[in-house]
PDB file of N, CA and C in Angstrom:
ATOM      1  N   UNK A   1      14.418   4.369   7.131  1.00  0.00           N
ATOM      2  CA  UNK A   1      13.203   5.085   6.345  1.00  0.00           C
ATOM      3  C   UNK A   1      13.634   7.053   6.829  1.00  0.00           C
ATOM      4  N   UNK A   2      13.164   7.349   6.217  1.00  0.00           N
ATOM      5  CA  UNK A   2      13.475   9.291   5.992  1.00  0.00           C
ATOM      6  C   UNK A   2      13.322   9.514   7.718  1.00  0.00           C
ATOM      7  N   UNK A   3      12.775  10.625   7.358  1.00  0.00           N
ATOM      8  CA  UNK A   3      12.408  11.087   8.821  1.00  0.00           C
ATOM      9  C   UNK A   3      10.795  11.581   8.396  1.00  0.00           C
ATOM     10  N   UNK A   4      10.565  12.218   6.880  1.00  0.00           N
ATOM     11  CA  UNK A   4       8.986  12.066   6.401  1.00  0.00           C
ATOM     12  C   UNK A   4       8.228  11.173   6.042  1.00  0.00           C
ATOM     13  N   UNK A   5       8.906   9.417   6.371  1.00  0.00           N
ATOM     14  CA  UNK A   5       8.072   8.672   5.943  1.00  0.00           C
ATOM     15  C   UNK A   5       7.295   8.959   6.432  1.00  0.00           C
ATOM     16  N   UNK A   6       5.812   8.054   5.872  1.00  0.00           N
ATOM     17  CA  UNK A   6       4.654   7.264   6.623  1.00  0.00           C
ATOM     18  C   UNK A   6       4.749   6.005   6.613  1.00  0.00           C
ATOM     19  N   UNK A   7       3.717   5.652   8.159  1.00  0.00           N
ATOM     20  CA  UNK A   7       4.026   4.847   8.398  1.00  0.00           C
ATOM     21  C   UNK A   7       2.368   4.025   8.783  1.00  0.00           C
ATOM     22  N   UNK A   8       2.050   3.085   8.406  1.00  0.00           N
ATOM     23  CA  UNK A   8       1.113   2.541   9.374  1.00  0.00           C
ATOM     24  C   UNK A   8       1.011   0.935   9.205  1.00  0.00           C
ATOM     25  N   UNK A   9       0.443   0.182  10.324  1.00  0.00           N
ATOM     26  CA  UNK A   9      -0.239  -1.112  10.693  1.00  0.00           C
ATOM     27  C   UNK A   9      -1.196  -1.308  10.015  1.00  0.00           C
ATOM     28  N   UNK A  10      -1.248  -2.680   9.244  1.00  0.00           N
ATOM     29  CA  UNK A  10      -2.456  -3.427   8.671  1.00  0.00           C
ATOM     30  C   UNK A  10      -2.946  -5.010   9.829  1.00  0.00           C
ATOM     31  N   UNK A  11      -3.158  -4.727  10.553  1.00  0.00           N
ATOM     32  CA  UNK A  11      -3.025  -6.003  11.102  1.00  0.00           C
ATOM     33  C   UNK A  11      -1.470  -6.298  11.612  1.00  0.00           C
ATOM     34  N   UNK A  12      -1.397  -7.709  11.243  1.00  0.00           N
ATOM     35  CA  UNK A  12       0.720  -7.338  11.044  1.00  0.00           C
ATOM     36  C   UNK A  12       1.673  -7.495  10.495  1.00  0.00           C
ATOM     37  N   UNK A  13       0.810  -6.573   9.261  1.00  0.00           N
ATOM     38  CA  UNK A  13       1.250  -6.015   8.007  1.00  0.00           C
ATOM     39  C   UNK A  13       1.875  -4.543   8.061  1.00  0.00           C
ATOM     40  N   UNK A  14       2.586  -4.187   8.052  1.00  0.00           N
ATOM     41  CA  UNK A  14       3.489  -3.220   7.879  1.00  0.00           C
ATOM     42  C   UNK A  14       3.742  -1.979   6.635  1.00  0.00           C
ATOM     43  N   UNK A  15       2.314  -1.550   6.274  1.00  0.00           N
ATOM     44  CA  UNK A  15       3.116  -0.439   4.738  1.00  0.00           C
ATOM     45  C   UNK A  15       4.351   1.349   5.611  1.00  0.00           C
ATOM     46  N   UNK A  16       5.043   0.904   4.999  1.00  0.00           N
ATOM     47  CA  UNK A  16       5.748   2.114   5.018  1.00  0.00           C
ATOM     48  C   UNK A  16       6.392   2.771   2.808  1.00  0.00           C
ATOM     49  N   UNK A  17       6.309   4.461   3.561  1.00  0.00           N
ATOM     50  CA  UNK A  17       6.775   5.166   2.232  1.00  0.00           C
ATOM     51  C   UNK A  17       7.518   5.915   2.532  1.00  0.00           C
ATOM     52  N   UNK A  18       8.860   6.380   1.651  1.00  0.00           N
ATOM     53  CA  UNK A  18       9.489   7.601   2.219  1.00  0.00           C
ATOM     54  C   UNK A  18       9.043   8.494   0.977  1.00  0.00           C
ATOM     55  N   UNK A  19       7.706   8.239  -0.037  1.00  0.00           N
ATOM     56  CA  UNK A  19       8.196   9.305  -1.141  1.00  0.00           C
ATOM     57  C   UNK A  19       8.732   8.785  -2.578  1.00  0.00           C
ATOM     58  N   UNK A  20       9.184   8.083  -2.531  1.00  0.00           N
ATOM     59  CA  UNK A  20       9.619   6.870  -3.617  1.00  0.00           C
ATOM     60  C   UNK A  20       9.448   5.463  -3.812  1.00  0.00           C
ATOM     61  N   UNK A  21       9.441   5.225  -2.928  1.00  0.00           N
ATOM     62  CA  UNK A  21       9.340   3.705  -2.695  1.00  0.00           C
ATOM     63  C   UNK A  21       8.568   2.906  -0.992  1.00  0.00           C
ATOM     64  N   UNK A  22       7.541   2.050  -1.755  1.00  0.00           N
ATOM     65  CA  UNK A  22       5.978   1.258  -0.341  1.00  0.00           C
ATOM     66  C   UNK A  22       6.695   0.572  -0.606  1.00  0.00           C
ATOM     67  N   UNK A  23       7.010   0.299   1.004  1.00  0.00           N
ATOM     68  CA  UNK A  23       7.472  -1.195   1.432  1.00  0.00           C
ATOM     69  C   UNK A  23       6.402  -1.548   2.301  1.00  0.00           C
ATOM     70  N   UNK A  24       6.471  -3.043   2.190  1.00  0.00           N
ATOM     71  CA  UNK A  24       5.109  -4.171   2.801  1.00  0.00           C
ATOM     72  C   UNK A  24       5.837  -4.880   3.533  1.00  0.00           C
ATOM     73  N   UNK A  25       5.592  -5.075   4.966  1.00  0.00           N
ATOM     74  CA  UNK A  25       6.565  -6.329   5.703  1.00  0.00           C
ATOM     75  C   UNK A  25       5.733  -6.880   6.469  1.00  0.00           C
ATOM     76  N   UNK A  26       6.019  -8.377   6.568  1.00  0.00           N
ATOM     77  CA  UNK A  26       4.958  -8.966   7.122  1.00  0.00           C
ATOM     78  C   UNK A  26       3.852  -9.826   6.102  1.00  0.00           C
ATOM     79  N   UNK A  27       3.984  -9.501   5.120  1.00  0.00           N
ATOM     80  CA  UNK A  27       2.781  -9.901   3.714  1.00  0.00           C
ATOM     81  C   UNK A  27       2.661 -11.385   4.607  1.00  0.00           C
ATOM     82  N   UNK A  28       1.565 -11.487   4.272  1.00  0.00           N
ATOM     83  CA  UNK A  28       1.263 -13.567   4.571  1.00  0.00           C
ATOM     84  C   UNK A  28       2.125 -13.767   2.920  1.00  0.00           C
ATOM     85  N   UNK A  29       2.589 -15.134   3.221  1.00  0.00           N
ATOM     86  CA  UNK A  29       3.611 -15.967   2.516  1.00  0.00           C
ATOM     87  C   UNK A  29       5.510 -15.114   2.459  1.00  0.00           C
ATOM     88  N   UNK A  30       5.522 -14.370   2.171  1.00  0.00           N
ATOM     89  CA  UNK A  30       6.503 -13.253   2.693  1.00  0.00           C
ATOM     90  C   UNK A  30       7.580 -12.085   3.117  1.00  0.00           C
ATOM     91  N   UNK A  31       8.463 -12.123   3.235  1.00  0.00           N
ATOM     92  CA  UNK A  31       8.919 -11.270   4.290  1.00  0.00           C
ATOM     93  C   UNK A  31       8.623  -9.633   4.259  1.00  0.00           C
ATOM     94  N   UNK A  32       8.889  -9.824   2.745  1.00  0.00           N
ATOM     95  CA  UNK A  32       8.680  -7.940   2.404  1.00  0.00           C
ATOM     96  C   UNK A  32       8.744  -7.779   0.646  1.00  0.00           C
ATOM     97  N   UNK A  33       7.803  -6.330   0.198  1.00  0.00           N
ATOM     98  CA  UNK A  33       8.292  -6.540  -0.718  1.00  0.00           C
ATOM     99  C   UNK A  33       8.489  -5.424  -0.798  1.00  0.00           C
ATOM    100  N   UNK A  34       8.713  -4.878  -2.504  1.00  0.00           N
ATOM    101  CA  UNK A  34       9.286  -2.702  -2.347  1.00  0.00           C
ATOM    102  C   UNK A  34       8.108  -2.765  -3.591  1.00  0.00           C
ATOM    103  N   UNK A  35       7.562  -1.371  -3.933  1.00  0.00           N
ATOM    104  CA  UNK A  35       7.484  -1.120  -4.743  1.00  0.00           C
ATOM    105  C   UNK A  35       7.980   0.102  -4.862  1.00  0.00           C
ATOM    106  N   UNK A  36       8.095   0.574  -6.208  1.00  0.00           N
ATOM    107  CA  UNK A  36       8.939   1.477  -6.052  1.00  0.00           C
ATOM    108  C   UNK A  36       7.487   2.592  -7.517  1.00  0.00           C
ATOM    109  N   UNK A  37       8.037   3.761  -7.002  1.00  0.00           N
ATOM    110  CA  UNK A  37       6.440   4.244  -7.342  1.00  0.00           C
ATOM    111  C   UNK A  37       6.578   4.683  -9.109  1.00  0.00           C
ATOM    112  N   UNK A  38       7.486   4.573 -10.245  1.00  0.00           N
ATOM    113  CA  UNK A  38       7.442   4.519 -10.796  1.00  0.00           C
ATOM    114  C   UNK A  38       7.132   3.386 -12.071  1.00  0.00           C
ATOM    115  N   UNK A  39       7.088   2.111 -10.955  1.00  0.00           N
ATOM    116  CA  UNK A  39       6.265   1.086 -11.682  1.00  0.00           C
ATOM    117  C   UNK A  39       5.301   0.671 -11.067  1.00  0.00           C
ATOM    118  N   UNK A  40       4.349   0.707  -9.864  1.00  0.00           N
ATOM    119  CA  UNK A  40       3.489   0.594  -9.083  1.00  0.00           C
ATOM    120  C   UNK A  40       2.432   0.939  -9.465  1.00  0.00           C
ATOM    121  N   UNK A  41       1.651   0.253  -9.863  1.00  0.00           N
ATOM    122  CA  UNK A  41      -0.057  -0.165 -10.298  1.00  0.00           C
ATOM    123  C   UNK A  41      -0.484  -0.413  -8.745  1.00  0.00           C
ATOM    124  N   UNK A  42      -1.218   0.677  -8.852  1.00  0.00           N
ATOM    125  CA  UNK A  42      -2.264   0.656  -7.056  1.00  0.00           C
ATOM    126  C   UNK A  42      -3.912   1.294  -7.187  1.00  0.00           C
ATOM    127  N   UNK A  43      -4.541  -0.009  -6.831  1.00  0.00           N
ATOM    128  CA  UNK A  43      -5.800  -0.342  -7.083  1.00  0.00           C
ATOM    129  C   UNK A  43      -6.309   0.137  -5.511  1.00  0.00           C
ATOM    130  N   UNK A  44      -7.146   1.224  -5.576  1.00  0.00           N
ATOM    131  CA  UNK A  44      -8.018   0.417  -4.341  1.00  0.00           C
ATOM    132  C   UNK A  44      -8.898   1.185  -4.209  1.00  0.00           C
ATOM    133  N   UNK A  45      -9.618  -0.016  -3.910  1.00  0.00           N
ATOM    134  CA  UNK A  45     -10.989  -0.538  -3.882  1.00  0.00           C
ATOM    135  C   UNK A  45     -11.974   0.169  -2.662  1.00  0.00           C
ATOM    136  N   UNK A  46     -13.611   0.580  -3.496  1.00  0.00           N
ATOM    137  CA  UNK A  46     -14.581   1.120  -3.076  1.00  0.00           C
ATOM    138  C   UNK A  46     -15.163   0.877  -1.872  1.00  0.00           C
ATOM    139  N   UNK A  47     -14.985   1.320  -1.202  1.00  0.00           N
ATOM    140  CA  UNK A  47     -15.715   0.430   0.259  1.00  0.00           C
ATOM    141  C   UNK A  47     -16.786  -0.745   0.515  1.00  0.00           C
ATOM    142  N   UNK A  48     -17.342  -1.141   1.038  1.00  0.00           N
ATOM    143  CA  UNK A  48     -17.955  -1.584   1.054  1.00  0.00           C
ATOM    144  C   UNK A  48     -19.030  -1.832   2.242  1.00  0.00           C
ATOM    145  N   UNK A  49     -20.232  -2.212   1.794  1.00  0.00           N
ATOM    146  CA  UNK A  49     -21.482  -1.418   3.077  1.00  0.00           C
ATOM    147  C   UNK A  49     -20.488  -1.436   4.781  1.00  0.00           C
ATOM    148  N   UNK A  50     -20.507  -2.179   4.845  1.00  0.00           N
ATOM    149  CA  UNK A  50     -19.100  -2.225   6.110  1.00  0.00           C
ATOM    150  C   UNK A  50     -18.232  -1.368   6.230  1.00  0.00           C
ATOM    151  N   UNK A  51     -18.076  -0.662   5.103  1.00  0.00           N
ATOM    152  CA  UNK A  51     -16.593   0.259   4.992  1.00  0.00           C
ATOM    153  C   UNK A  51     -14.808  -0.331   4.804  1.00  0.00           C
ATOM    154  N   UNK A  52     -15.200  -2.105   4.846  1.00  0.00           N
ATOM    155  CA  UNK A  52     -14.035  -2.632   4.364  1.00  0.00           C
ATOM    156  C   UNK A  52     -13.454  -1.926   2.830  1.00  0.00           C
ATOM    157  N   UNK A  53     -12.287  -2.250   2.161  1.00  0.00           N
ATOM    158  CA  UNK A  53     -12.066  -1.890   1.175  1.00  0.00           C
ATOM    159  C   UNK A  53     -10.667  -2.463   0.882  1.00  0.00           C
ATOM    160  N   UNK A  54     -10.817  -3.023  -0.449  1.00  0.00           N
ATOM    161  CA  UNK A  54      -9.115  -3.351  -1.277  1.00  0.00           C
ATOM    162  C   UNK A  54      -8.591  -2.835  -1.201  1.00  0.00           C
ATOM    163  N   UNK A  55      -6.817  -3.279  -0.845  1.00  0.00           N
ATOM    164  CA  UNK A  55      -5.646  -3.222  -2.326  1.00  0.00           C
ATOM    165  C   UNK A  55      -5.076  -4.159  -2.487  1.00  0.00           C
ATOM    166  N   UNK A  56      -5.380  -3.088  -4.397  1.00  0.00           N
ATOM    167  CA  UNK A  56      -4.665  -4.032  -5.023  1.00  0.00           C
ATOM    168  C   UNK A  56      -2.641  -3.099  -4.858  1.00  0.00           C
ATOM    169  N   UNK A  57      -1.847  -4.080  -4.681  1.00  0.00           N
ATOM    170  CA  UNK A  57      -0.863  -3.439  -5.336  1.00  0.00           C
ATOM    171  C   UNK A  57       0.252  -4.440  -5.869  1.00  0.00           C
ATOM    172  N   UNK A  58       0.293  -3.744  -7.921  1.00  0.00           N
ATOM    173  CA  UNK A  58       1.360  -4.328  -8.405  1.00  0.00           C
ATOM    174  C   UNK A  58       2.397  -4.147  -9.054  1.00  0.00           C
ATOM    175  N   UNK A  59       3.148  -4.695  -9.853  1.00  0.00           N
ATOM    176  CA  UNK A  59       4.209  -4.116 -11.061  1.00  0.00           C
ATOM    177  C   UNK A  59       3.143  -3.997 -12.036  1.00  0.00           C
ATOM    178  N   UNK A  60       3.827  -2.029 -12.777  1.00  0.00           N
ATOM    179  CA  UNK A  60       2.877  -2.611 -13.886  1.00  0.00           C
ATOM    180  C   UNK A  60       3.367  -2.869 -15.151  1.00  0.00           C
ATOM    181  N   UNK A  61       4.578  -3.672 -15.185  1.00  0.00           N
ATOM    182  CA  UNK A  61       5.020  -5.005 -15.459  1.00  0.00           C
ATOM    183  C   UNK A  61       4.067  -6.406 -15.604  1.00  0.00           C
ATOM    184  N   UNK A  62       3.854  -6.590 -14.410  1.00  0.00           N
ATOM    185  CA  UNK A  62       2.701  -7.984 -13.890  1.00  0.00           C
ATOM    186  C   UNK A  62       3.781  -8.310 -14.036  1.00  0.00           C
ATOM    187  N   UNK A  63       4.723  -9.110 -13.914  1.00  0.00           N
ATOM    188  CA  UNK A  63       5.663  -9.649 -14.287  1.00  0.00           C
ATOM    189  C   UNK A  63       6.171  -9.949 -12.966  1.00  0.00           C
ATOM    190  N   UNK A  64       6.331  -9.633 -12.053  1.00  0.00           N
ATOM    191  CA  UNK A  64       6.482  -9.747 -10.835  1.00  0.00           C
ATOM    192  C   UNK A  64       5.493  -9.592  -9.501  1.00  0.00           C
ATOM    193  N   UNK A  65       4.587  -9.733 -10.149  1.00  0.00           N
ATOM    194  CA  UNK A  65       2.944 -10.738  -9.233  1.00  0.00           C
ATOM    195  C   UNK A  65       2.427  -9.744  -8.395  1.00  0.00           C
ATOM    196  N   UNK A  66       1.947 -10.412  -7.659  1.00  0.00           N
ATOM    197  CA  UNK A  66       0.745  -8.703  -7.111  1.00  0.00           C
ATOM    198  C   UNK A  66      -0.084  -8.808  -5.505  1.00  0.00           C
ATOM    199  N   UNK A  67       0.213  -8.159  -4.989  1.00  0.00           N
ATOM    200  CA  UNK A  67      -0.499  -8.606  -3.765  1.00  0.00           C
ATOM    201  C   UNK A  67      -1.962  -8.022  -3.338  1.00  0.00           C
ATOM    202  N   UNK A  68      -2.659  -8.708  -2.619  1.00  0.00           N
ATOM    203  CA  UNK A  68      -4.501  -7.947  -2.491  1.00  0.00           C
ATOM    204  C   UNK A  68      -3.854  -7.942  -0.537  1.00  0.00           C
ATOM    205  N   UNK A  69      -4.562  -6.674  -0.383  1.00  0.00           N
ATOM    206  CA  UNK A  69      -4.784  -6.576   0.802  1.00  0.00           C
ATOM    207  C   UNK A  69      -6.648  -6.435   1.725  1.00  0.00           C
ATOM    208  N   UNK A  70      -6.461  -6.732   2.463  1.00  0.00           N
ATOM    209  CA  UNK A  70      -8.280  -5.755   2.344  1.00  0.00           C
ATOM    210  C   UNK A  70      -8.124  -5.695   3.539  1.00  0.00           C
ATOM    211  N   UNK A  71      -8.713  -4.432   3.690  1.00  0.00           N
ATOM    212  CA  UNK A  71      -8.631  -3.349   4.758  1.00  0.00           C
ATOM    213  C   UNK A  71      -9.823  -2.762   5.455  1.00  0.00           C
ATOM    214  N   UNK A  72     -10.064  -3.414   7.088  1.00  0.00           N
ATOM    215  CA  UNK A  72     -11.150  -3.485   7.112  1.00  0.00           C
ATOM    216  C   UNK A  72     -11.479  -1.334   7.512  1.00  0.00           C
ATOM    217  N   UNK A  73     -12.537  -1.180   7.672  1.00  0.00           N
ATOM    218  CA  UNK A  73     -13.093   0.176   8.077  1.00  0.00           C
ATOM    219  C   UNK A  73     -11.994   1.114   9.017  1.00  0.00           C
ATOM    220  N   UNK A  74     -11.642   0.377  10.704  1.00  0.00           N
ATOM    221  CA  UNK A  74     -11.426   0.238  11.444  1.00  0.00           C
ATOM    222  C   UNK A  74      -9.681   0.549  10.631  1.00  0.00           C
ATOM    223  N   UNK A  75      -9.033  -0.389  10.105  1.00  0.00           N
ATOM    224  CA  UNK A  75      -7.929   0.153   9.811  1.00  0.00           C
ATOM    225  C   UNK A  75      -7.614   1.075   8.715  1.00  0.00           C
ATOM    226  N   UNK A  76      -8.354   0.974   7.590  1.00  0.00           N
ATOM    227  CA  UNK A  76      -8.585   2.572   7.106  1.00  0.00           C
ATOM    228  C   UNK A  76      -8.322   3.895   7.776  1.00  0.00           C
ATOM    229  N   UNK A  77      -8.608   3.905   8.520  1.00  0.00           N
ATOM    230  CA  UNK A  77      -8.332   5.587   9.292  1.00  0.00           C
ATOM    231  C   UNK A  77      -6.397   5.154   9.397  1.00  0.00           C
ATOM    232  N   UNK A  78      -6.312   4.705   9.646  1.00  0.00           N
ATOM    233  CA  UNK A  78      -4.617   4.573   9.700  1.00  0.00           C
ATOM    234  C   UNK A  78      -3.514   4.193   8.091  1.00  0.00           C
ATOM    235  N   UNK A  79      -4.748   3.205   7.786  1.00  0.00           N
ATOM    236  CA  UNK A  79      -3.792   3.342   6.381  1.00  0.00           C
ATOM    237  C   UNK A  79      -3.700   4.730   4.533  1.00  0.00           C
ATOM    238  N   UNK A  80      -4.785   4.948   5.460  1.00  0.00           N
ATOM    239  CA  UNK A  80      -4.797   5.701   4.367  1.00  0.00           C
ATOM    240  C   UNK A  80      -3.914   6.910   4.178  1.00  0.00           C
ATOM    241  N   UNK A  81      -3.955   7.637   5.569  1.00  0.00           N
ATOM    242  CA  UNK A  81      -1.715   7.654   5.390  1.00  0.00           C
ATOM    243  C   UNK A  81      -1.162   8.124   4.322  1.00  0.00           C
ATOM    244  N   UNK A  82      -0.638   6.331   4.537  1.00  0.00           N
ATOM    245  CA  UNK A  82       0.166   5.938   3.742  1.00  0.00           C
ATOM    246  C   UNK A  82      -0.075   5.971   2.210  1.00  0.00           C
ATOM    247  N   UNK A  83      -1.768   4.993   1.735  1.00  0.00           N
ATOM    248  CA  UNK A  83      -1.972   5.151   0.637  1.00  0.00           C
ATOM    249  C   UNK A  83      -2.353   6.725   0.038  1.00  0.00           C
ATOM    250  N   UNK A  84      -2.582   7.560   0.426  1.00  0.00           N
ATOM    251  CA  UNK A  84      -2.597   9.449  -0.277  1.00  0.00           C
ATOM    252  C   UNK A  84      -1.746   9.777  -0.308  1.00  0.00           C
ATOM    253  N   UNK A  85       0.079   9.316   0.299  1.00  0.00           N
ATOM    254  CA  UNK A  85       1.054  10.275  -0.160  1.00  0.00           C
ATOM    255  C   UNK A  85       1.955   9.301  -1.545  1.00  0.00           C
ATOM    256  N   UNK A  86       0.993   7.897  -1.101  1.00  0.00           N
ATOM    257  CA  UNK A  86       1.676   6.750  -2.630  1.00  0.00           C
ATOM    258  C   UNK A  86       0.747   7.508  -3.448  1.00  0.00           C
ATOM    259  N   UNK A  87      -0.514   7.528  -3.676  1.00  0.00           N
ATOM    260  CA  UNK A  87      -1.296   8.054  -4.412  1.00  0.00           C
ATOM    261  C   UNK A  87      -0.565   9.905  -5.494  1.00  0.00           C
ATOM    262  N   UNK A  88      -0.616  10.833  -3.782  1.00  0.00           N
ATOM    263  CA  UNK A  88       0.205  11.230  -4.711  1.00  0.00           C
ATOM    264  C   UNK A  88       1.096  11.582  -5.453  1.00  0.00           C
ATOM    265  N   UNK A  89       2.240  10.165  -5.268  1.00  0.00           N
ATOM    266  CA  UNK A  89       3.244  10.643  -5.653  1.00  0.00           C
ATOM    267  C   UNK A  89       2.911   9.617  -7.168  1.00  0.00           C
ATOM    268  N   UNK A  90       2.290   9.140  -7.465  1.00  0.00           N
ATOM    269  CA  UNK A  90       1.993   8.692  -8.508  1.00  0.00           C
ATOM    270  C   UNK A  90       1.723   9.577  -9.382  1.00  0.00           C
ATOM    271  N   UNK A  91       0.791  10.464  -9.070  1.00  0.00           N
ATOM    272  CA  UNK A  91       0.336  12.054  -9.520  1.00  0.00           C
ATOM    273  C   UNK A  91       1.721  12.757 -10.084  1.00  0.00           C
ATOM    274  N   UNK A  92       2.614  12.806  -9.858  1.00  0.00           N
ATOM    275  CA  UNK A  92       3.349  13.559 -10.240  1.00  0.00           C
ATOM    276  C   UNK A  92       4.723  12.457 -11.169  1.00  0.00           C
ATOM    277  N   UNK A  93       4.297  11.557 -11.115  1.00  0.00           N
ATOM    278  CA  UNK A  93       5.481  10.450 -11.953  1.00  0.00           C
ATOM    279  C   UNK A  93       4.739  10.253 -13.418  1.00  0.00           C
TER     280      UNK A  93
END
């Protein structure tokens, strides 16, 4: 992990982003997953009435599957920094 990587915990799941690769550790059913921004399809759901939202991470090719993370309003405060960095990198791609 580089010095400028952004890191956030969502419950027992760790998200890290180094500017190129988003890594997810501890996602239920898998040890880890890596998404390169050139092959990432990210969907950020709108907050519901409690402020909770979902994230959908998938490959653009759709052949490698996807993961859905439900993020509470409290967790979003930490996770948002990672997601903002990923979205900025996607905008440059």
